[in-house]
């Protein structure tokens, strides 16, 4: 790909700057989470399911990698308060996702987040994506978060 073609690809916006700026704050979370259903929640563990919607597909008609990463962020962060450390889930330090297989539109998936360690300063969360029909893991994520210091007041 020539340099100008790369530049055009990166600069092609869907709308004008005013249209993009008019989007509501935090619009990404509802876009990702709209199809999410919590099936189980217990200390240190959350199990969710969802039917993959069309809006989360990439050009190959499979679950977009960025959407999976956003789900690691959202579901992984949500597991932190389940271990009793307050509502503030901290700041992401690192998120990584290993993509092992593809998932397709209308496919039922499960997303399981587990708190591997929630300390005073750092939380480490594991997030696993499975195809509901076969139980096959198609992505695995790890989320590390810096936790805010609790007030001494």
C-alpha atoms as a PDB file:
ATOM      1  CA  UNK A   1       0.000   0.000   0.000  1.00  0.00           C
ATOM      2  CA  UNK A   2       1.435   3.367  -0.951  1.00  0.00           C
ATOM      3  CA  UNK A   3       1.883   6.047   1.695  1.00  0.00           C
ATOM      4  CA  UNK A   4      -0.922   8.263   0.418  1.00  0.00           C
ATOM      5  CA  UNK A   5      -3.328   5.304   0.405  1.00  0.00           C
ATOM      6  CA  UNK A   6      -2.457   4.608   4.044  1.00  0.00           C
ATOM      7  CA  UNK A   7      -3.029   8.266   4.881  1.00  0.00           C
ATOM      8  CA  UNK A   8      -6.424   8.281   3.104  1.00  0.00           C
ATOM      9  CA  UNK A   9      -7.446   5.108   4.953  1.00  0.00           C
ATOM     10  CA  UNK A  10      -6.585   6.589   8.363  1.00  0.00           C
ATOM     11  CA  UNK A  11      -8.231   9.929   7.648  1.00  0.00           C
ATOM     12  CA  UNK A  12     -11.470   8.637   6.155  1.00  0.00           C
ATOM     13  CA  UNK A  13     -14.075   9.652   8.672  1.00  0.00           C
ATOM     14  CA  UNK A  14     -17.668   8.524   8.575  1.00  0.00           C
ATOM     15  CA  UNK A  15     -18.918  12.040   9.095  1.00  0.00           C
ATOM     16  CA  UNK A  16     -17.767  15.546   9.615  1.00  0.00           C
ATOM     17  CA  UNK A  17     -15.975  16.661  12.762  1.00  0.00           C
ATOM     18  CA  UNK A  18     -19.152  18.337  14.003  1.00  0.00           C
ATOM     19  CA  UNK A  19     -21.101  15.066  13.610  1.00  0.00           C
ATOM     20  CA  UNK A  20     -18.460  13.131  15.518  1.00  0.00           C
ATOM     21  CA  UNK A  21     -18.161  15.832  18.192  1.00  0.00           C
ATOM     22  CA  UNK A  22     -21.952  15.723  18.627  1.00  0.00           C
ATOM     23  CA  UNK A  23     -21.860  12.094  19.779  1.00  0.00           C
ATOM     24  CA  UNK A  24     -22.762  11.729  23.457  1.00  0.00           C
ATOM     25  CA  UNK A  25     -19.989  11.246  26.007  1.00  0.00           C
ATOM     26  CA  UNK A  26     -19.073   7.604  26.635  1.00  0.00           C
ATOM     27  CA  UNK A  27     -21.056   6.473  23.578  1.00  0.00           C
ATOM     28  CA  UNK A  28     -18.726   3.498  23.090  1.00  0.00           C
ATOM     29  CA  UNK A  29     -19.863   1.543  26.175  1.00  0.00           C
ATOM     30  CA  UNK A  30     -23.539   1.238  25.141  1.00  0.00           C
ATOM     31  CA  UNK A  31     -22.442   0.400  21.596  1.00  0.00           C
ATOM     32  CA  UNK A  32     -20.406  -2.544  22.913  1.00  0.00           C
ATOM     33  CA  UNK A  33     -22.596  -3.534  25.871  1.00  0.00           C
ATOM     34  CA  UNK A  34     -26.075  -3.284  24.353  1.00  0.00           C
ATOM     35  CA  UNK A  35     -26.311  -7.038  23.693  1.00  0.00           C
ATOM     36  CA  UNK A  36     -24.585  -8.132  26.917  1.00  0.00           C
ATOM     37  CA  UNK A  37     -26.494 -10.219  29.483  1.00  0.00           C
ATOM     38  CA  UNK A  38     -25.129 -11.078  32.941  1.00  0.00           C
ATOM     39  CA  UNK A  39     -25.731 -14.782  33.618  1.00  0.00           C
ATOM     40  CA  UNK A  40     -23.782 -15.131  36.878  1.00  0.00           C
ATOM     41  CA  UNK A  41     -22.102 -12.770  39.263  1.00  0.00           C
ATOM     42  CA  UNK A  42     -20.231 -13.854  42.366  1.00  0.00           C
ATOM     43  CA  UNK A  43     -17.182 -12.591  44.256  1.00  0.00           C
ATOM     44  CA  UNK A  44     -14.287 -12.510  41.815  1.00  0.00           C
ATOM     45  CA  UNK A  45     -16.227 -13.833  38.833  1.00  0.00           C
ATOM     46  CA  UNK A  46     -18.713 -12.583  36.239  1.00  0.00           C
ATOM     47  CA  UNK A  47     -20.186 -14.710  33.458  1.00  0.00           C
ATOM     48  CA  UNK A  48     -21.945 -12.914  30.614  1.00  0.00           C
ATOM     49  CA  UNK A  49     -23.455 -13.987  27.338  1.00  0.00           C
ATOM     50  CA  UNK A  50     -24.321 -12.180  24.152  1.00  0.00           C
ATOM     51  CA  UNK A  51     -25.435 -12.782  20.613  1.00  0.00           C
ATOM     52  CA  UNK A  52     -22.889 -11.043  18.392  1.00  0.00           C
ATOM     53  CA  UNK A  53     -24.626  -8.089  16.718  1.00  0.00           C
ATOM     54  CA  UNK A  54     -23.909  -6.881  13.183  1.00  0.00           C
ATOM     55  CA  UNK A  55     -22.540  -3.582  14.495  1.00  0.00           C
ATOM     56  CA  UNK A  56     -19.541  -5.336  16.131  1.00  0.00           C
ATOM     57  CA  UNK A  57     -18.290  -7.027  12.955  1.00  0.00           C
ATOM     58  CA  UNK A  58     -15.156  -6.205  10.984  1.00  0.00           C
ATOM     59  CA  UNK A  59     -14.682  -6.268   7.200  1.00  0.00           C
ATOM     60  CA  UNK A  60     -14.401 -10.092   7.297  1.00  0.00           C
ATOM     61  CA  UNK A  61     -17.825 -10.322   9.021  1.00  0.00           C
ATOM     62  CA  UNK A  62     -16.304 -11.633  12.259  1.00  0.00           C
ATOM     63  CA  UNK A  63     -16.236 -10.088  15.737  1.00  0.00           C
ATOM     64  CA  UNK A  64     -14.030  -7.002  15.507  1.00  0.00           C
ATOM     65  CA  UNK A  65     -10.840  -7.339  17.559  1.00  0.00           C
ATOM     66  CA  UNK A  66     -11.332  -3.869  19.007  1.00  0.00           C
ATOM     67  CA  UNK A  67     -14.829  -4.829  20.168  1.00  0.00           C
ATOM     68  CA  UNK A  68     -13.397  -7.883  21.936  1.00  0.00           C
ATOM     69  CA  UNK A  69     -10.731  -5.687  23.553  1.00  0.00           C
ATOM     70  CA  UNK A  70     -13.423  -3.227  24.684  1.00  0.00           C
ATOM     71  CA  UNK A  71     -15.357  -6.144  26.221  1.00  0.00           C
ATOM     72  CA  UNK A  72     -12.195  -7.209  28.077  1.00  0.00           C
ATOM     73  CA  UNK A  73     -12.003  -3.648  29.423  1.00  0.00           C
ATOM     74  CA  UNK A  74     -15.674  -3.346  30.412  1.00  0.00           C
ATOM     75  CA  UNK A  75     -16.358  -6.845  31.779  1.00  0.00           C
ATOM     76  CA  UNK A  76     -12.880  -7.094  33.297  1.00  0.00           C
ATOM     77  CA  UNK A  77     -13.344  -3.791  35.130  1.00  0.00           C
ATOM     78  CA  UNK A  78     -16.775  -4.847  36.377  1.00  0.00           C
ATOM     79  CA  UNK A  79     -15.365  -7.848  38.251  1.00  0.00           C
ATOM     80  CA  UNK A  80     -13.173  -5.672  40.510  1.00  0.00           C
ATOM     81  CA  UNK A  81     -15.986  -4.346  42.767  1.00  0.00           C
ATOM     82  CA  UNK A  82     -17.263  -7.924  43.262  1.00  0.00           C
ATOM     83  CA  UNK A  83     -14.338  -8.592  45.594  1.00  0.00           C
ATOM     84  CA  UNK A  84     -15.370  -5.714  47.864  1.00  0.00           C
ATOM     85  CA  UNK A  85     -12.884  -2.995  47.007  1.00  0.00           C
ATOM     86  CA  UNK A  86     -15.385  -0.220  46.271  1.00  0.00           C
ATOM     87  CA  UNK A  87     -16.930   1.137  43.088  1.00  0.00           C
ATOM     88  CA  UNK A  88     -13.800   2.777  41.632  1.00  0.00           C
ATOM     89  CA  UNK A  89     -12.261   0.245  39.266  1.00  0.00           C
ATOM     90  CA  UNK A  90      -9.039   2.136  38.664  1.00  0.00           C
ATOM     91  CA  UNK A  91      -7.117   2.942  35.516  1.00  0.00           C
ATOM     92  CA  UNK A  92      -6.066   0.468  32.845  1.00  0.00           C
ATOM     93  CA  UNK A  93      -2.333  -0.179  32.777  1.00  0.00           C
ATOM     94  CA  UNK A  94      -2.388  -2.964  30.212  1.00  0.00           C
ATOM     95  CA  UNK A  95      -4.934  -4.865  28.152  1.00  0.00           C
ATOM     96  CA  UNK A  96      -3.993  -7.704  25.874  1.00  0.00           C
ATOM     97  CA  UNK A  97      -6.107 -10.089  23.865  1.00  0.00           C
ATOM     98  CA  UNK A  98      -5.121 -13.300  22.108  1.00  0.00           C
ATOM     99  CA  UNK A  99      -7.447 -14.086  19.207  1.00  0.00           C
ATOM    100  CA  UNK A 100      -7.612 -17.852  18.711  1.00  0.00           C
ATOM    101  CA  UNK A 101     -10.575 -18.221  16.334  1.00  0.00           C
ATOM    102  CA  UNK A 102     -13.305 -16.170  14.685  1.00  0.00           C
ATOM    103  CA  UNK A 103     -16.830 -15.566  15.967  1.00  0.00           C
ATOM    104  CA  UNK A 104     -19.671 -14.583  13.640  1.00  0.00           C
ATOM    105  CA  UNK A 105     -22.838 -12.505  13.594  1.00  0.00           C
ATOM    106  CA  UNK A 106     -25.705 -13.919  15.680  1.00  0.00           C
ATOM    107  CA  UNK A 107     -23.368 -16.475  17.258  1.00  0.00           C
ATOM    108  CA  UNK A 108     -24.015 -16.961  20.989  1.00  0.00           C
ATOM    109  CA  UNK A 109     -20.882 -16.403  23.059  1.00  0.00           C
ATOM    110  CA  UNK A 110     -19.944 -16.427  26.744  1.00  0.00           C
ATOM    111  CA  UNK A 111     -17.560 -13.961  28.333  1.00  0.00           C
ATOM    112  CA  UNK A 112     -16.121 -14.918  31.701  1.00  0.00           C
ATOM    113  CA  UNK A 113     -14.086 -12.478  33.784  1.00  0.00           C
ATOM    114  CA  UNK A 114     -12.129 -13.706  36.803  1.00  0.00           C
ATOM    115  CA  UNK A 115     -10.198 -11.633  39.302  1.00  0.00           C
ATOM    116  CA  UNK A 116      -6.790 -13.279  39.456  1.00  0.00           C
ATOM    117  CA  UNK A 117      -5.524 -10.781  42.021  1.00  0.00           C
ATOM    118  CA  UNK A 118      -6.972  -7.624  43.483  1.00  0.00           C
ATOM    119  CA  UNK A 119      -4.469  -5.986  45.798  1.00  0.00           C
ATOM    120  CA  UNK A 120      -4.123  -2.540  47.318  1.00  0.00           C
ATOM    121  CA  UNK A 121      -2.605  -1.019  44.192  1.00  0.00           C
ATOM    122  CA  UNK A 122      -3.010  -3.434  41.261  1.00  0.00           C
ATOM    123  CA  UNK A 123      -5.756  -5.719  39.965  1.00  0.00           C
ATOM    124  CA  UNK A 124      -5.171  -8.459  37.404  1.00  0.00           C
ATOM    125  CA  UNK A 125      -8.176  -9.869  35.585  1.00  0.00           C
ATOM    126  CA  UNK A 126      -8.529 -12.744  33.131  1.00  0.00           C
ATOM    127  CA  UNK A 127     -11.306 -12.637  30.507  1.00  0.00           C
ATOM    128  CA  UNK A 128     -12.169 -15.670  28.394  1.00  0.00           C
ATOM    129  CA  UNK A 129     -14.449 -15.762  25.331  1.00  0.00           C
ATOM    130  CA  UNK A 130     -16.155 -19.053  24.420  1.00  0.00           C
ATOM    131  CA  UNK A 131     -18.592 -20.132  21.744  1.00  0.00           C
ATOM    132  CA  UNK A 132     -21.690 -21.155  23.660  1.00  0.00           C
ATOM    133  CA  UNK A 133     -22.633 -23.982  21.296  1.00  0.00           C
ATOM    134  CA  UNK A 134     -19.260 -25.771  21.325  1.00  0.00           C
ATOM    135  CA  UNK A 135     -17.528 -24.414  24.437  1.00  0.00           C
ATOM    136  CA  UNK A 136     -14.519 -23.583  22.238  1.00  0.00           C
ATOM    137  CA  UNK A 137     -12.365 -20.686  23.448  1.00  0.00           C
ATOM    138  CA  UNK A 138     -11.945 -18.139  20.667  1.00  0.00           C
ATOM    139  CA  UNK A 139     -10.226 -15.305  22.551  1.00  0.00           C
ATOM    140  CA  UNK A 140      -8.472 -14.737  25.869  1.00  0.00           C
ATOM    141  CA  UNK A 141      -7.710 -11.419  27.486  1.00  0.00           C
ATOM    142  CA  UNK A 142      -5.754 -10.107  30.423  1.00  0.00           C
ATOM    143  CA  UNK A 143      -6.457  -6.751  32.030  1.00  0.00           C
ATOM    144  CA  UNK A 144      -4.169  -5.052  34.542  1.00  0.00           C
ATOM    145  CA  UNK A 145      -5.468  -2.016  36.403  1.00  0.00           C
ATOM    146  CA  UNK A 146      -3.901   0.480  38.780  1.00  0.00           C
ATOM    147  CA  UNK A 147      -6.257   0.966  41.725  1.00  0.00           C
ATOM    148  CA  UNK A 148      -6.671   4.358  43.381  1.00  0.00           C
ATOM    149  CA  UNK A 149      -5.457   4.710  46.945  1.00  0.00           C
ATOM    150  CA  UNK A 150      -8.295   4.651  49.425  1.00  0.00           C
ATOM    151  CA  UNK A 151      -8.869   7.799  51.412  1.00  0.00           C
ATOM    152  CA  UNK A 152      -7.584   7.874  54.993  1.00  0.00           C
ATOM    153  CA  UNK A 153     -10.406  10.218  56.052  1.00  0.00           C
END
